[in-house]
Protein backbone atom coordinates (compact mmCIF):
# COMPACT_ATOMS: atom_id res chain seq x y z
CA MET A 1 -39.72 -7.21 -5.17
CA LYS A 2 -40.43 -3.95 -3.33
CA THR A 3 -39.02 -3.36 0.16
CA LEU A 4 -40.00 -0.50 2.44
CA PHE A 5 -37.31 0.68 4.90
CA ALA A 6 -38.88 2.74 7.68
CA ALA A 7 -36.94 4.50 10.43
CA LEU A 8 -37.39 7.40 12.84
CA GLY A 9 -34.49 9.19 14.44
CA THR A 10 -31.24 10.99 13.78
CA GLN A 11 -28.37 9.98 11.48
CA GLY A 12 -27.34 7.09 13.72
CA ASP A 13 -30.83 5.58 13.46
CA ILE A 14 -31.04 6.01 9.70
CA GLU A 15 -27.61 4.73 8.63
CA PRO A 16 -28.23 0.99 9.32
CA PHE A 17 -31.31 1.19 7.09
CA LEU A 18 -29.45 2.98 4.30
CA ALA A 19 -26.74 0.31 4.48
CA GLN A 20 -29.34 -2.41 3.92
CA ALA A 21 -31.16 -0.38 1.25
CA GLU A 22 -27.88 -0.25 -0.70
CA ILE A 23 -27.58 -4.06 -0.60
CA PHE A 24 -31.21 -4.62 -1.61
CA ALA A 25 -30.95 -2.11 -4.46
CA GLU A 26 -27.76 -3.71 -5.78
CA ALA A 27 -29.60 -7.04 -5.80
CA GLY A 28 -32.23 -5.53 -8.09
CA HIS A 29 -34.97 -4.84 -5.56
CA GLU A 30 -37.15 -1.75 -5.58
CA VAL A 31 -36.38 0.33 -2.50
CA VAL A 32 -38.70 2.80 -0.78
CA CYS A 33 -37.44 4.78 2.25
CA LEU A 34 -39.81 6.19 4.87
CA PHE A 35 -37.61 8.54 6.91
CA PRO A 36 -37.99 12.03 8.43
CA GLU A 37 -38.29 14.83 5.87
CA GLN A 38 -34.79 16.04 6.77
CA PHE A 39 -33.29 13.00 4.97
CA ARG A 40 -35.02 13.60 1.64
CA GLU A 41 -31.92 14.93 -0.13
CA THR A 42 -29.72 12.08 1.14
CA VAL A 43 -32.16 9.41 -0.05
CA THR A 44 -33.00 10.94 -3.42
CA GLN A 45 -29.31 11.41 -4.23
CA LEU A 46 -28.88 7.68 -3.69
CA GLY A 47 -31.65 7.04 -6.20
CA TYR A 48 -34.28 5.54 -3.89
CA GLU A 49 -37.94 6.51 -3.69
CA PHE A 50 -38.52 8.71 -0.66
CA VAL A 51 -41.59 8.97 1.56
CA ALA A 52 -41.46 11.58 4.31
CA PHE A 53 -42.27 11.34 7.95
CA ASP A 54 -43.33 14.72 9.27
CA LYS A 55 -40.27 16.88 9.96
CA GLY A 56 -41.68 17.68 13.38
CA PHE A 57 -40.04 14.60 14.92
CA LEU A 58 -36.50 15.86 14.50
CA GLU A 59 -37.62 19.43 15.17
CA LEU A 60 -38.93 18.19 18.51
CA LEU A 61 -35.49 16.79 19.34
CA GLU A 62 -34.06 20.20 18.44
CA SER A 63 -36.48 21.96 20.82
CA GLN A 64 -35.18 23.07 24.21
CA SER A 65 -36.78 20.09 25.98
CA GLY A 66 -35.36 17.76 23.35
CA LYS A 67 -31.87 19.24 23.62
CA ASN A 68 -32.00 19.03 27.39
CA ILE A 69 -32.79 15.32 27.17
CA MET A 70 -30.37 14.56 24.34
CA GLY A 71 -27.46 16.21 26.13
CA GLY A 72 -28.76 17.77 29.25
CA GLY A 73 -27.77 16.18 32.51
CA GLY A 74 -29.01 18.03 35.57
CA ASN A 75 -30.73 16.48 38.56
CA ALA A 76 -33.38 13.77 38.39
CA TRP A 77 -36.26 16.25 38.82
CA LYS A 78 -35.03 18.43 35.95
CA GLN A 79 -34.65 15.41 33.68
CA LEU A 80 -38.13 14.14 34.61
CA THR A 81 -39.62 17.56 33.87
CA ASN A 82 -37.94 17.60 30.46
CA TYR A 83 -39.23 14.11 29.66
CA ILE A 84 -42.79 15.13 30.59
CA LYS A 85 -42.60 18.27 28.42
CA LEU A 86 -41.26 16.27 25.49
CA ALA A 87 -43.90 13.57 25.94
CA LYS A 88 -46.73 16.12 25.96
CA ASN A 89 -45.39 17.80 22.84
CA SER A 90 -45.03 14.47 21.06
CA LEU A 91 -48.54 13.09 21.65
CA SER A 92 -50.24 14.61 18.63
CA LEU A 93 -47.11 14.09 16.54
CA GLN A 94 -47.04 10.38 17.39
CA HIS A 95 -50.58 9.96 16.08
CA LEU A 96 -49.51 11.63 12.83
CA LEU A 97 -46.42 9.42 12.50
CA ILE A 98 -48.50 6.28 13.00
CA SER A 99 -50.97 7.47 10.38
CA GLN A 100 -48.08 8.04 7.98
CA GLN A 101 -46.79 4.50 8.54
CA ARG A 102 -50.24 3.13 7.76
CA GLN A 103 -50.58 5.31 4.66
CA ALA A 104 -47.19 4.18 3.34
CA LEU A 105 -48.43 0.57 3.37
CA ILE A 106 -51.64 1.52 1.57
CA ASN A 107 -49.93 3.68 -1.06
CA HIS A 108 -46.89 1.54 -1.85
CA GLN A 109 -48.03 -2.04 -1.12
CA PRO A 110 -44.50 -3.26 -0.30
CA ASP A 111 -43.68 -6.97 -0.37
CA ARG A 112 -41.39 -6.65 2.67
CA ILE A 113 -41.05 -4.07 5.45
CA VAL A 114 -37.86 -3.51 7.45
CA PHE A 115 -38.67 -1.15 10.32
CA HIS A 116 -37.19 0.73 13.24
CA ALA A 117 -38.24 0.26 16.87
CA LYS A 118 -39.92 3.70 16.95
CA CYS A 119 -42.32 2.72 14.12
CA LEU A 120 -45.16 1.53 16.34
CA TYR A 121 -47.82 0.74 13.73
CA PHE A 122 -45.62 -1.87 12.09
CA TYR A 123 -45.41 -3.94 15.29
CA VAL A 124 -49.15 -4.62 15.12
CA ALA A 125 -49.20 -4.92 11.33
CA ALA A 126 -46.48 -7.57 11.68
CA MET A 127 -48.74 -9.68 13.90
CA ALA A 128 -51.12 -10.05 10.96
CA LYS A 129 -48.36 -10.85 8.41
CA PRO A 130 -45.28 -11.93 10.39
CA TYR A 131 -43.25 -13.12 7.39
CA HIS A 132 -43.50 -9.71 5.73
CA TYR A 133 -41.92 -7.69 8.55
CA THR A 134 -38.46 -7.43 10.10
CA LEU A 135 -37.46 -5.28 13.05
CA LEU A 136 -33.92 -3.92 12.56
CA THR A 137 -32.09 -2.23 15.42
CA PRO A 138 -28.46 -1.21 16.09
CA ILE A 139 -29.09 -1.30 19.85
CA PRO A 140 -29.13 -4.46 22.03
CA CYS A 141 -30.95 -4.97 25.34
CA LEU A 142 -34.16 -3.66 23.80
CA THR A 143 -36.76 -6.41 23.38
CA HIS A 144 -34.81 -9.54 24.23
CA PRO A 145 -33.30 -9.77 27.71
CA SER A 146 -29.72 -10.15 28.86
CA LYS A 147 -28.71 -11.50 32.25
CA ASP A 148 -25.63 -9.29 32.18
CA TYR A 149 -27.25 -5.93 31.36
CA PRO A 150 -30.56 -4.25 32.21
CA HIS A 151 -32.92 -2.87 29.57
CA ILE A 152 -31.13 -0.25 27.48
CA GLY A 153 -33.47 2.41 28.91
CA LEU A 154 -31.54 1.96 32.17
CA GLY A 155 -28.18 2.01 30.41
CA LYS A 156 -26.95 5.00 32.42
CA TRP A 157 -26.82 2.88 35.56
CA LYS A 158 -24.49 0.00 36.29
CA PRO A 159 -25.88 -3.54 35.79
CA LEU A 160 -28.34 -4.44 38.54
CA GLY A 161 -27.48 -8.12 38.99
CA GLN A 162 -28.89 -10.98 36.92
CA VAL A 163 -32.33 -11.17 38.57
CA TRP A 164 -33.08 -7.46 38.35
CA ASN A 165 -31.47 -7.11 34.95
CA LEU A 166 -34.00 -9.63 33.61
CA LYS A 167 -36.92 -8.03 35.47
CA SER A 168 -36.15 -4.62 33.98
CA TYR A 169 -37.18 -5.81 30.49
CA GLY A 170 -40.65 -6.80 31.63
CA VAL A 171 -41.22 -3.48 33.40
CA ILE A 172 -39.99 -1.12 30.67
CA ASN A 173 -41.35 -3.09 27.71
CA GLY A 174 -44.66 -3.52 29.53
CA LEU A 175 -45.02 0.25 29.81
CA ARG A 176 -44.02 0.66 26.17
CA ARG A 177 -46.67 -1.84 25.02
CA MET A 178 -49.33 -0.01 27.03
CA ALA A 179 -48.43 3.21 25.21
CA MET A 180 -48.34 1.40 21.88
CA LYS A 181 -51.86 0.00 22.40
CA SER A 182 -53.17 3.45 23.26
CA PHE A 183 -51.72 5.01 20.11
CA ILE A 184 -52.81 2.24 17.74
CA ARG A 185 -56.24 1.36 19.18
CA LYS A 186 -58.10 3.38 16.53
CA TYR A 187 -56.58 1.11 13.84
CA TYR A 188 -57.43 -2.25 15.43
CA SER A 189 -60.10 -2.73 12.76
CA ASP A 190 -57.27 -2.98 10.19
CA PHE A 191 -56.45 -6.37 11.69
CA PRO A 192 -59.71 -8.24 12.34
CA SER A 193 -58.03 -11.66 12.35
CA ILE A 194 -55.74 -11.05 15.34
CA LYS A 195 -56.31 -10.47 19.03
CA ILE A 196 -54.34 -7.45 20.25
CA SER A 197 -53.56 -7.34 23.96
CA ALA A 198 -50.54 -6.75 26.19
CA LYS A 199 -50.09 -10.53 26.40
CA THR A 200 -50.27 -11.21 22.65
CA LEU A 201 -47.99 -8.26 21.88
CA ARG A 202 -45.43 -9.53 24.39
CA GLU A 203 -45.51 -13.09 23.06
CA PHE A 204 -45.22 -11.90 19.46
CA GLU A 205 -42.34 -9.51 20.13
CA LEU A 206 -40.35 -11.95 22.21
CA ASN A 207 -40.74 -15.16 20.23
CA GLN A 208 -42.16 -14.55 16.75
CA LEU A 209 -41.25 -11.14 15.35
CA GLN A 210 -38.16 -11.50 13.16
CA THR A 211 -35.69 -9.19 14.91
CA PHE A 212 -32.22 -8.42 13.62
CA TYR A 213 -29.77 -6.73 15.93
CA SER A 214 -27.35 -4.94 13.63
CA ILE A 215 -24.44 -5.15 16.06
CA SER A 216 -21.14 -6.98 16.20
CA PRO A 217 -21.20 -10.34 18.00
CA SER A 218 -17.60 -9.60 18.99
CA LEU A 219 -18.86 -6.61 20.97
CA PHE A 220 -22.09 -8.24 22.18
CA PRO A 221 -22.42 -12.03 21.69
CA LYS A 222 -25.95 -13.40 21.34
CA PRO A 223 -27.29 -14.46 24.77
CA GLU A 224 -28.19 -18.15 25.00
CA ILE A 225 -31.69 -17.34 26.27
CA TRP A 226 -32.71 -15.56 23.07
CA PRO A 227 -35.19 -17.27 20.74
CA ALA A 228 -34.44 -18.25 17.13
CA SER A 229 -36.42 -15.23 15.89
CA ALA A 230 -33.78 -12.87 17.35
CA LYS A 231 -30.49 -12.73 15.46
CA ILE A 232 -27.26 -10.75 15.72
CA VAL A 233 -26.24 -10.10 12.10
CA GLY A 234 -23.20 -7.82 12.46
CA TYR A 235 -22.99 -4.09 11.85
CA TYR A 236 -23.29 -2.93 8.23
CA PHE A 237 -21.60 0.18 6.87
CA ARG A 238 -22.57 2.20 3.84
CA ASN A 239 -19.79 3.38 1.53
CA GLN A 240 -19.72 7.15 2.10
CA THR A 241 -16.39 7.86 0.42
CA LYS A 242 -17.48 7.61 -3.22
CA THR A 243 -17.58 11.36 -3.81
CA TYR A 244 -15.53 12.67 -0.87
CA GLN A 245 -12.54 14.84 -1.71
CA PRO A 246 -10.50 15.87 1.37
CA PRO A 247 -9.25 19.45 1.55
CA LYS A 248 -5.57 19.82 0.72
CA GLU A 249 -4.99 21.32 4.16
CA LEU A 250 -6.38 18.20 5.82
CA ALA A 251 -4.26 15.86 3.70
CA ALA A 252 -1.16 17.90 4.63
CA TRP A 253 -2.11 17.89 8.33
CA LEU A 254 -2.50 14.10 8.33
CA LEU A 255 0.96 13.72 6.79
CA GLN A 256 2.39 15.92 9.51
CA TYR A 257 0.66 13.97 12.30
CA PRO A 258 0.63 10.24 11.47
CA LYS A 259 -0.63 9.39 14.97
CA ALA A 260 -3.77 11.46 15.35
CA ILE A 261 -7.30 11.05 16.69
CA LEU A 262 -10.84 12.18 15.94
CA LEU A 263 -13.00 14.02 18.47
CA THR A 264 -16.70 13.93 17.59
CA PHE A 265 -20.05 14.03 19.39
CA GLY A 266 -22.09 13.17 16.29
CA SER A 267 -25.64 14.48 16.50
CA MET A 268 -25.47 14.97 20.28
CA SER A 269 -25.87 18.36 21.94
CA ASN A 270 -25.02 19.30 25.52
CA THR A 271 -25.76 22.13 27.89
CA ASP A 272 -22.44 23.95 27.49
CA PRO A 273 -20.68 22.94 24.25
CA LEU A 274 -18.17 25.80 24.27
CA SER A 275 -16.99 25.22 27.84
CA ASN A 276 -16.80 21.45 27.34
CA SER A 277 -14.92 21.94 24.08
CA LYS A 278 -12.41 24.24 25.75
CA THR A 279 -11.85 21.75 28.58
CA ILE A 280 -11.30 18.78 26.28
CA ILE A 281 -9.23 20.61 23.65
CA SER A 282 -6.96 22.23 26.24
CA LEU A 283 -6.16 18.79 27.66
CA LEU A 284 -5.53 17.39 24.19
CA GLN A 285 -3.06 20.22 23.55
CA LYS A 286 -1.46 19.80 26.98
CA HIS A 287 -0.61 16.19 26.19
CA GLY A 288 0.35 16.83 22.58
CA ILE A 289 -2.42 14.74 21.03
CA PRO A 290 -3.07 15.80 17.40
CA THR A 291 -6.83 15.92 16.96
CA LEU A 292 -9.41 16.37 14.24
CA VAL A 293 -12.42 18.05 15.86
CA ASN A 294 -15.74 17.39 14.13
CA THR A 295 -18.08 20.25 15.08
CA SER A 296 -20.99 18.89 12.94
CA TRP A 297 -24.26 19.28 14.92
CA GLY A 298 -22.91 21.74 17.47
CA GLY A 299 -22.06 19.48 20.39
CA LEU A 300 -18.48 20.69 19.96
CA GLU A 301 -17.33 24.21 19.11
CA LYS A 302 -14.10 25.81 17.97
CA ALA A 303 -11.94 26.85 20.91
CA GLU A 304 -9.99 30.07 20.64
CA ASN A 305 -6.20 29.89 20.59
CA SER A 306 -6.16 26.30 19.34
CA ASP A 307 -2.67 25.41 18.18
CA LYS A 308 -1.67 23.65 14.94
CA THR A 309 -2.23 20.18 16.47
CA ILE A 310 -5.99 20.84 16.36
CA PHE A 311 -7.75 20.70 12.98
CA TYR A 312 -11.47 21.54 12.74
CA VAL A 313 -13.87 19.91 10.28
CA ASN A 314 -17.64 20.03 9.83
CA GLN A 315 -18.66 16.45 8.93
CA ILE A 316 -16.25 13.88 7.55
CA PRO A 317 -16.87 10.30 6.33
CA TYR A 318 -15.79 7.97 9.12
CA ASP A 319 -14.90 5.18 6.69
CA TRP A 320 -12.43 7.56 5.01
CA ILE A 321 -10.80 9.08 8.07
CA LEU A 322 -10.76 6.34 10.74
CA PRO A 323 -8.35 3.97 8.93
CA LYS A 324 -5.84 6.84 9.02
CA LEU A 325 -6.08 7.46 12.78
CA TYR A 326 -4.88 5.98 16.07
CA GLY A 327 -8.22 6.41 17.79
CA LEU A 328 -11.27 8.50 18.52
CA ILE A 329 -13.03 10.18 21.41
CA HIS A 330 -16.77 10.25 20.87
CA HIS A 331 -20.28 10.25 22.33
CA GLY A 332 -20.75 6.47 22.12
CA GLY A 333 -23.48 6.02 19.55
CA SER A 334 -23.77 2.47 18.23
CA GLY A 335 -22.69 3.42 14.72
CA THR A 336 -19.62 5.40 15.80
CA THR A 337 -18.60 2.68 18.27
CA HIS A 338 -18.83 0.04 15.55
CA GLN A 339 -17.02 2.20 13.00
CA GLY A 340 -14.16 2.73 15.44
CA ALA A 341 -13.98 -0.96 16.31
CA ALA A 342 -14.12 -2.09 12.67
CA HIS A 343 -11.21 0.19 11.76
CA GLY A 344 -8.99 -0.83 14.67
CA CYS A 345 -9.21 2.44 16.58
CA VAL A 346 -8.58 2.88 20.28
CA GLN A 347 -11.70 4.49 21.74
CA MET A 348 -12.79 6.65 24.63
CA ILE A 349 -16.47 7.40 25.02
CA VAL A 350 -17.92 10.53 26.60
CA PRO A 351 -21.52 9.31 27.01
CA HIS A 352 -24.47 11.68 26.83
CA ILE A 353 -27.60 9.48 26.98
CA ILE A 354 -29.05 5.96 27.34
CA ASP A 355 -27.26 3.36 25.18
CA GLN A 356 -24.03 5.36 25.08
CA TYR A 357 -23.30 4.36 28.68
CA PHE A 358 -23.76 0.74 27.62
CA TRP A 359 -21.23 1.06 24.79
CA ASN A 360 -18.84 2.85 27.17
CA ARG A 361 -18.81 -0.28 29.36
CA ILE A 362 -18.45 -2.56 26.35
CA ILE A 363 -15.37 -0.68 25.11
CA GLU A 364 -13.77 -0.95 28.56
CA GLN A 365 -14.64 -4.65 28.85
CA ARG A 366 -13.17 -5.42 25.42
CA LYS A 367 -10.03 -3.53 26.52
CA VAL A 368 -9.88 -1.28 23.48
CA GLY A 369 -10.06 1.88 25.58
CA PRO A 370 -10.63 3.20 29.09
CA LEU A 371 -13.99 3.86 30.71
CA GLY A 372 -14.88 7.41 29.72
CA ALA A 373 -16.49 10.12 31.84
CA SER A 374 -20.02 11.39 31.24
CA ILE A 375 -20.45 14.75 29.51
CA HIS A 376 -22.63 15.84 32.43
CA ASN A 377 -20.57 17.78 34.98
CA LEU A 378 -17.38 16.88 33.12
CA ASP A 379 -14.63 16.26 35.70
CA THR A 380 -11.32 17.60 34.37
CA ASN A 381 -9.11 15.39 36.54
CA LYS A 382 -10.97 12.18 35.73
CA PHE A 383 -11.09 13.02 32.04
CA GLU A 384 -7.35 13.78 31.96
CA LYS A 385 -6.47 10.52 33.70
CA ALA A 386 -8.55 8.53 31.20
CA LEU A 387 -7.12 10.57 28.29
CA VAL A 388 -3.51 9.77 29.22
CA ASP A 389 -4.41 6.08 29.49
CA PHE A 390 -6.24 6.20 26.14
CA TRP A 391 -3.22 7.79 24.41
CA SER A 392 -0.35 5.84 25.97
CA ASN A 393 -1.57 2.31 26.78
CA PRO A 394 -0.12 -0.02 24.11
CA ASP A 395 -2.51 -2.85 25.00
CA TYR A 396 -5.48 -0.83 23.71
CA ALA A 397 -3.95 -0.47 20.24
CA GLU A 398 -3.10 -4.17 20.04
CA ASN A 399 -6.56 -5.24 21.23
CA ALA A 400 -8.24 -2.82 18.82
CA LYS A 401 -6.43 -4.38 15.88
CA SER A 402 -7.44 -7.89 17.00
CA LEU A 403 -11.06 -6.81 17.39
CA ALA A 404 -11.09 -5.27 13.92
CA ALA A 405 -9.78 -8.53 12.45
CA GLN A 406 -12.59 -10.48 14.17
CA MET A 407 -15.24 -8.10 12.81
CA ARG A 408 -14.16 -8.33 9.16
CA THR A 409 -16.13 -11.51 8.49
CA GLU A 410 -19.18 -10.84 10.66
CA ALA A 411 -21.56 -8.79 8.51
CA LYS A 412 -21.86 -10.89 5.37
CA LYS A 413 -23.36 -8.89 2.54
CA ASP A 414 -26.43 -11.02 1.78
CA THR A 415 -27.33 -12.24 5.30
CA VAL A 416 -30.14 -9.78 6.00
CA LEU A 417 -31.34 -9.81 2.39
CA GLN A 418 -31.78 -13.58 2.36
CA LEU A 419 -33.38 -13.72 5.80
CA VAL A 420 -35.87 -10.97 4.90
CA LEU A 421 -36.80 -12.75 1.66
CA ASN A 422 -36.91 -16.22 3.25
CA PRO A 423 -37.99 -15.69 6.86
CA HIS A 424 -39.01 -19.33 7.51
CA THR A 425 -35.46 -20.67 6.92
């Protein structure tokens, strides 16, 4: 059987799909990956067939407007202006991406399609063949509502109260479906047997489309109001340590500092990475907290005069390093949050955008770390207070270990595989 995995986004968006591709491939299934061009080398090295989305999607995120949104801050008017610029620049690109989704179906004729929320064509294609399609997402509060939290698009703000939390899903998803219809209208003739309207799209998404939330039920239990078509399946990790060989200097540093942490902002950028890095690293040194600093995509930079308690790396497999650490300070992406929780790490999140504020609240509520401060207008005093709590509160470490034990049995290897192959069960 041939399965097409289709995802748009950065590393955090792609990893849940690669984790499932690994399981499907091990079960003997033919795997085809439709990801941005920038992931070609990663996919081909794993031995899967690769189909490229235009590289312009990630290049757009790397543009100045994209960087401002991904890590910008600023006042509401500045943010709105950046969103408008990005939207204008993405219009023609979105038409191309939709065309590429359609062409992948024509060229490869997959038996099953597992797709990301940004792959708009597949929503409508799924209405025609619902048992062939599965929406996979590592982010909750997207399609299906929660009384406790608003739509993830409003994740930066505190919960609005149960009534308005629920209303937010209708408003934001209604606007999204209007945009989806506009982009896909030229392909309606591909699906002559179905009626496509805002109402039918809403009904299909909410109650019929097989949707798997690749998140931990210990972090976010399934709301009782969700339909049977929506499932929380646990977070899946891909083994990234097969070929990793740590530098001798790193191994020696870890022996010297058995209680250490990781500082990483993943693929996030911000408006002043050097200044923010200096602020955070100086406080880490002040309180004697040995720290691995992952500079990776440039959201963090090397600070001058760092002492020996600070060790800089450029990318490191989380599943190799996190079991060796006390905790981590990070941007709050779903994948990093789950990795930290699964390995029993105390966490402090420095949120940049959207869902990261949601995970910040979840970490505080599960009492595995303090509520972190936003990267925007980083307040030194507030950050230091949270940092001391993060480092010295023994309850966090105990709770983190208990949470990790709960998560060990959640993501059973064949759950998604069997549900994709047998969607009526």
